[in-house]
Amino acid sequence: MRLLTLLLSASLLIADNSNAVSKASAALKAGLFKEALEHISIAQEENPKNADIYRMKALLHEALDQPKKALESWKACLEYSRDKNMRREAKVHIKNLTAE
């Protein structure tokens, strides 16, 4: 399920047309989560207030079993998102990660 969510997130971010996001998406599709995370971190530097980037970063950290980093990314996603559904998703993940 996480992989499907990551793939969907990546495809949405491609619309951003960022080279780093495109590379992250390609790495993600190849199953290279660490490489995808490196590229999404570059995309974050290019667009530090993009909630979608933080969402993808959080999901990648979760897939890599890095709960503390995932929690940080979800909190940033919540801070920058104005989308009701994304904010709800971030809150659920924050609650789950805090409970662990």
Protein backbone atom coordinates (compact mmCIF):
# COMPACT_ATOMS: atom_id res chain seq x y z
CA MET A 1 0.00 0.00 0.00
CA ARG A 2 2.83 2.39 0.84
CA LEU A 3 4.42 1.75 -2.53
CA LEU A 4 1.18 2.59 -4.31
CA THR A 5 0.84 5.78 -2.26
CA LEU A 6 4.44 6.71 -3.07
CA LEU A 7 3.89 6.12 -6.78
CA LEU A 8 0.75 8.23 -6.78
CA SER A 9 2.52 11.02 -4.93
CA ALA A 10 5.38 10.92 -7.38
CA SER A 11 3.10 11.17 -10.36
CA LEU A 12 1.36 14.19 -8.85
CA LEU A 13 4.67 15.88 -8.19
CA ILE A 14 5.85 15.39 -11.76
CA ALA A 15 3.39 18.12 -12.71
CA ASP A 16 5.75 20.41 -10.79
CA ASN A 17 8.16 19.86 -13.70
CA SER A 18 11.16 19.96 -11.38
CA ASN A 19 14.17 17.99 -12.55
CA ALA A 20 14.78 16.75 -8.99
CA VAL A 21 11.17 15.61 -8.68
CA SER A 22 11.39 13.80 -12.01
CA LYS A 23 14.54 12.03 -10.86
CA ALA A 24 12.91 11.16 -7.53
CA SER A 25 9.92 9.73 -9.38
CA ALA A 26 12.13 7.64 -11.65
CA ALA A 27 14.11 6.31 -8.68
CA LEU A 28 10.88 5.55 -6.84
CA LYS A 29 9.47 3.61 -9.78
CA ALA A 30 12.70 1.60 -9.88
CA GLY A 31 12.33 0.83 -6.17
CA LEU A 32 15.37 2.92 -5.23
CA PHE A 33 13.90 4.61 -2.16
CA LYS A 34 17.18 6.02 -0.82
CA GLU A 35 17.99 7.58 -4.18
CA ALA A 36 14.44 8.92 -4.45
CA LEU A 37 14.87 10.48 -1.02
CA GLU A 38 18.09 12.20 -2.12
CA HIS A 39 16.33 13.73 -5.12
CA ILE A 40 13.23 14.75 -3.18
CA SER A 41 15.52 16.49 -0.67
CA ILE A 42 16.93 18.54 -3.54
CA ALA A 43 13.39 19.35 -4.67
CA GLN A 44 12.66 20.47 -1.12
CA GLU A 45 15.58 22.90 -1.26
CA GLU A 46 14.21 24.28 -4.54
CA ASN A 47 10.68 24.62 -3.19
CA PRO A 48 10.80 24.61 0.64
CA LYS A 49 7.09 25.30 1.16
CA ASN A 50 5.66 22.59 -1.11
CA ALA A 51 3.55 20.31 1.08
CA ASP A 52 3.47 17.60 -1.61
CA ILE A 53 7.24 17.29 -1.45
CA TYR A 54 7.15 16.89 2.33
CA ARG A 55 4.40 14.29 1.97
CA MET A 56 6.47 12.24 -0.45
CA LYS A 57 9.53 12.66 1.75
CA ALA A 58 7.59 11.48 4.80
CA LEU A 59 6.29 8.41 2.96
CA LEU A 60 9.81 7.58 1.79
CA HIS A 61 11.12 7.85 5.35
CA GLU A 62 8.34 5.54 6.49
CA ALA A 63 9.20 3.04 3.74
CA LEU A 64 12.83 3.17 4.87
CA ASP A 65 11.79 2.65 8.52
CA GLN A 66 12.95 6.10 9.65
CA PRO A 67 10.07 7.17 11.90
CA LYS A 68 11.70 10.27 13.43
CA LYS A 69 12.51 11.74 10.04
CA ALA A 70 9.07 10.76 8.75
CA LEU A 71 7.50 12.59 11.69
CA GLU A 72 9.49 15.75 10.92
CA SER A 73 8.40 15.63 7.29
CA TRP A 74 4.73 15.04 8.19
CA LYS A 75 4.82 18.04 10.52
CA ALA A 76 6.22 20.21 7.72
CA CYS A 77 3.58 18.82 5.35
CA LEU A 78 0.89 19.79 7.84
CA GLU A 79 2.40 23.26 8.25
CA TYR A 80 2.49 24.06 4.54
CA SER A 81 -0.59 22.24 3.27
CA ARG A 82 -3.88 24.02 2.70
CA ASP A 83 -5.52 20.86 1.35
CA LYS A 84 -8.03 19.43 3.82
CA ASN A 85 -7.39 15.80 2.85
CA MET A 86 -3.62 16.13 2.96
CA ARG A 87 -3.81 17.81 6.37
CA ARG A 88 -6.01 14.97 7.62
CA GLU A 89 -3.55 12.39 6.26
CA ALA A 90 -0.63 14.17 7.90
CA LYS A 91 -2.43 14.26 11.25
CA VAL A 92 -3.12 10.52 11.09
CA HIS A 93 0.52 9.75 10.34
CA ILE A 94 1.74 12.12 13.06
CA LYS A 95 -0.56 10.46 15.58
CA ASN A 96 0.59 6.98 14.56
CA LEU A 97 4.27 7.90 14.57
CA THR A 98 3.98 9.64 17.94
CA ALA A 99 2.31 6.58 19.46
CA GLU A 100 5.19 4.27 18.43
